[in-house]
Amino acid sequence: MDAEITQFALAAQRGDRAAAAEFVRSTQRQLRRLMAYLGDPGQADDLAQETYLRAFAALPRYEGRSPARMWLLAIARRVAADHVRTAQRSPRTTSVDGWLDTEVAGPEGLVALRAAIDALDPERREAFVLTRVVGLSYAEAAEVCDCPVGTIRSRVFRARNELVDALDTRLEIAR
């Protein structure tokens, strides 16, 4: 899968439009899921679009030393971080309805889980989402985050503990 995605990226670099479309098609689902968790769920599509814009602008400099999927997810991580920084500096002007994520608006448990994930420290949330939601290995997540594998393992471990504690607390309150 990674080799094929990398070949699409390299062919797109040479101007192959069909390969560019395949690159997007083969990465968009995973990228959108990542952006929904790292950024604003209501703006996941916009954040994914911004990621692709940055990636295609940087494509001439992509050398293929790492899989193109990892390269794209590293760009996505920076896009999400930029979005969070911008959102923190400016007041929210959207309605509460705009905050609803259709994927978690169902059962209360999913809503509670989403809230608990959102409350995690950003580095822990990022490691947890990359490994547990997006499905990257610890090594792949470490590459995306540009940190050692042990750091990813530690962040995921701590995130899981915090999530269990948060969900236990919510269940006790609900009783």
Protein backbone atom coordinates (compact mmCIF):
# COMPACT_ATOMS: atom_id res chain seq x y z
CA MET A 1 0.00 0.00 0.00
CA ASP A 2 2.71 2.53 1.00
CA ALA A 3 4.82 1.65 -2.03
CA GLU A 4 1.87 2.19 -4.34
CA ILE A 5 0.97 5.53 -2.72
CA THR A 6 4.61 6.61 -3.00
CA GLN A 7 4.61 5.69 -6.69
CA PHE A 8 1.47 7.80 -7.18
CA ALA A 9 3.20 10.75 -5.47
CA LEU A 10 6.35 10.38 -7.55
CA ALA A 11 4.34 10.12 -10.77
CA ALA A 12 2.29 13.17 -9.73
CA GLN A 13 5.58 14.97 -9.17
CA ARG A 14 6.36 14.34 -12.84
CA GLY A 15 3.00 15.85 -13.86
CA ASP A 16 0.82 12.73 -14.07
CA ARG A 17 -2.67 14.00 -13.21
CA ALA A 18 -4.19 10.53 -12.97
CA ALA A 19 -1.52 9.56 -10.43
CA ALA A 20 -2.23 12.75 -8.46
CA ALA A 21 -5.91 11.81 -8.34
CA GLU A 22 -5.03 8.27 -7.20
CA PHE A 23 -2.72 9.69 -4.52
CA VAL A 24 -5.62 11.73 -3.14
CA ARG A 25 -8.12 8.89 -3.51
CA SER A 26 -5.86 6.42 -1.69
CA THR A 27 -5.09 8.74 1.24
CA GLN A 28 -8.20 10.86 1.70
CA ARG A 29 -10.14 8.62 4.08
CA GLN A 30 -7.26 8.23 6.51
CA LEU A 31 -6.35 11.90 6.22
CA ARG A 32 -9.90 13.05 6.91
CA ARG A 33 -10.15 10.84 10.00
CA LEU A 34 -6.88 12.24 11.31
CA MET A 35 -8.01 15.82 10.75
CA ALA A 36 -11.35 15.17 12.45
CA TYR A 37 -9.52 14.15 15.61
CA LEU A 38 -6.56 16.53 15.59
CA GLY A 39 -8.45 19.57 14.36
CA ASP A 40 -12.07 20.65 14.38
CA PRO A 41 -14.38 17.76 13.37
CA GLY A 42 -16.66 20.21 11.57
CA GLN A 43 -13.75 21.41 9.49
CA ALA A 44 -12.03 18.09 8.78
CA ASP A 45 -12.71 18.31 5.06
CA ASP A 46 -11.33 21.86 4.89
CA LEU A 47 -8.26 20.83 6.87
CA ALA A 48 -7.72 17.83 4.61
CA GLN A 49 -8.01 20.13 1.58
CA GLU A 50 -5.44 22.50 3.11
CA THR A 51 -3.16 19.51 3.68
CA TYR A 52 -3.41 18.48 0.03
CA LEU A 53 -2.76 22.06 -1.09
CA ARG A 54 0.42 22.19 1.00
CA ALA A 55 1.46 18.71 -0.08
CA PHE A 56 1.07 19.41 -3.79
CA ALA A 57 2.91 22.72 -3.37
CA ALA A 58 5.76 20.81 -1.68
CA LEU A 59 5.64 17.84 -4.05
CA PRO A 60 8.54 19.07 -6.21
CA ARG A 61 10.77 18.83 -3.11
CA TYR A 62 9.55 15.35 -2.08
CA GLU A 63 12.49 12.99 -2.51
CA GLY A 64 10.82 9.68 -1.69
CA ARG A 65 13.09 8.89 1.27
CA SER A 66 10.08 8.02 3.39
CA PRO A 67 6.69 6.68 2.27
CA ALA A 68 4.51 9.38 0.73
CA ARG A 69 1.70 8.54 3.15
CA MET A 70 3.98 9.35 6.12
CA TRP A 71 5.11 12.53 4.38
CA LEU A 72 1.47 13.56 3.84
CA LEU A 73 0.49 12.78 7.45
CA ALA A 74 3.42 14.85 8.72
CA ILE A 75 2.11 17.77 6.66
CA ALA A 76 -1.38 17.11 8.06
CA ARG A 77 -0.02 17.25 11.58
CA ARG A 78 1.38 20.72 10.91
CA VAL A 79 -1.89 21.87 9.29
CA ALA A 80 -3.84 20.69 12.35
CA ALA A 81 -1.39 22.40 14.72
CA ASP A 82 -1.67 25.64 12.73
CA HIS A 83 -5.46 25.38 12.85
CA VAL A 84 -5.50 24.84 16.63
CA ARG A 85 -3.14 27.80 17.18
CA THR A 86 -5.30 30.03 14.99
CA ALA A 87 -8.50 28.89 16.71
CA GLN A 88 -7.02 29.63 20.13
CA ARG A 89 -6.11 33.18 19.07
CA SER A 90 -9.51 34.07 17.63
CA PRO A 91 -12.95 33.76 19.23
CA ARG A 92 -15.38 31.20 17.90
CA THR A 93 -18.18 32.72 15.88
CA THR A 94 -19.93 29.53 14.76
CA SER A 95 -23.11 28.23 16.29
CA VAL A 96 -23.19 25.18 18.53
CA ASP A 97 -24.81 23.28 15.64
CA GLY A 98 -21.62 23.74 13.65
CA TRP A 99 -19.66 21.86 16.32
CA LEU A 100 -21.65 18.65 15.95
CA ASP A 101 -19.81 15.76 14.37
CA THR A 102 -22.27 13.46 12.65
CA GLU A 103 -19.99 10.49 13.35
CA VAL A 104 -20.28 10.93 17.14
CA ALA A 105 -23.75 12.48 17.48
CA GLY A 106 -25.24 9.01 18.02
CA PRO A 107 -24.81 6.95 21.17
CA GLU A 108 -23.78 8.73 24.37
CA GLY A 109 -20.72 6.53 24.73
CA LEU A 110 -19.21 7.73 21.48
CA VAL A 111 -19.89 11.33 22.43
CA ALA A 112 -18.23 10.80 25.80
CA LEU A 113 -15.25 9.11 24.13
CA ARG A 114 -14.87 11.95 21.65
CA ALA A 115 -15.00 14.52 24.47
CA ALA A 116 -12.40 12.54 26.43
CA ILE A 117 -10.11 12.34 23.37
CA ASP A 118 -10.51 16.08 22.79
CA ALA A 119 -9.52 16.75 26.40
CA LEU A 120 -6.21 14.89 26.09
CA ASP A 121 -2.91 16.76 25.99
CA PRO A 122 -2.31 17.56 22.27
CA GLU A 123 0.77 15.32 21.96
CA ARG A 124 -1.02 12.39 23.62
CA ARG A 125 -4.14 12.95 21.51
CA GLU A 126 -2.02 13.02 18.37
CA ALA A 127 -0.21 9.77 19.25
CA PHE A 128 -3.46 8.06 20.26
CA VAL A 129 -5.34 9.14 17.12
CA LEU A 130 -2.50 8.20 14.78
CA THR A 131 -2.16 4.70 16.26
CA ARG A 132 -5.69 3.83 17.40
CA VAL A 133 -7.96 5.77 15.05
CA VAL A 134 -5.90 6.14 11.88
CA GLY A 135 -4.23 2.76 12.38
CA LEU A 136 -0.55 3.63 12.01
CA SER A 137 2.08 1.49 13.68
CA TYR A 138 4.10 3.05 16.49
CA ALA A 139 7.04 3.38 14.11
CA GLU A 140 4.91 5.14 11.49
CA ALA A 141 3.41 7.48 14.09
CA ALA A 142 6.91 8.25 15.36
CA GLU A 143 7.94 9.16 11.83
CA VAL A 144 4.92 11.44 11.40
CA CYS A 145 5.53 13.10 14.78
CA ASP A 146 9.30 13.22 14.29
CA CYS A 147 10.03 11.63 17.66
CA PRO A 148 11.31 8.28 18.97
CA VAL A 149 9.05 5.21 18.93
CA GLY A 150 9.33 4.99 22.73
CA THR A 151 7.86 8.47 23.02
CA ILE A 152 4.85 7.40 20.95
CA ARG A 153 4.40 4.27 23.08
CA SER A 154 4.53 6.38 26.24
CA ARG A 155 2.07 8.95 24.90
CA VAL A 156 -0.39 6.27 23.79
CA PHE A 157 -0.09 4.46 27.13
CA ARG A 158 -0.78 7.67 29.07
CA ALA A 159 -3.60 8.65 26.72
CA ARG A 160 -5.30 5.28 27.20
CA ASN A 161 -5.05 5.60 30.98
CA GLU A 162 -6.48 9.11 30.88
CA LEU A 163 -9.31 7.99 28.61
CA VAL A 164 -10.21 5.07 30.88
CA ASP A 165 -10.21 7.38 33.90
CA ALA A 166 -12.28 10.02 32.10
CA LEU A 167 -14.85 7.51 30.88
CA ASP A 168 -15.06 5.84 34.31
CA THR A 169 -15.72 9.25 35.86
CA ARG A 170 -18.42 10.02 33.29
CA LEU A 171 -20.12 6.67 33.92
CA GLU A 172 -20.10 7.25 37.68
CA ILE A 173 -21.64 10.69 37.22
CA ALA A 174 -24.31 9.26 34.91
CA ARG A 175 -25.37 6.70 37.49
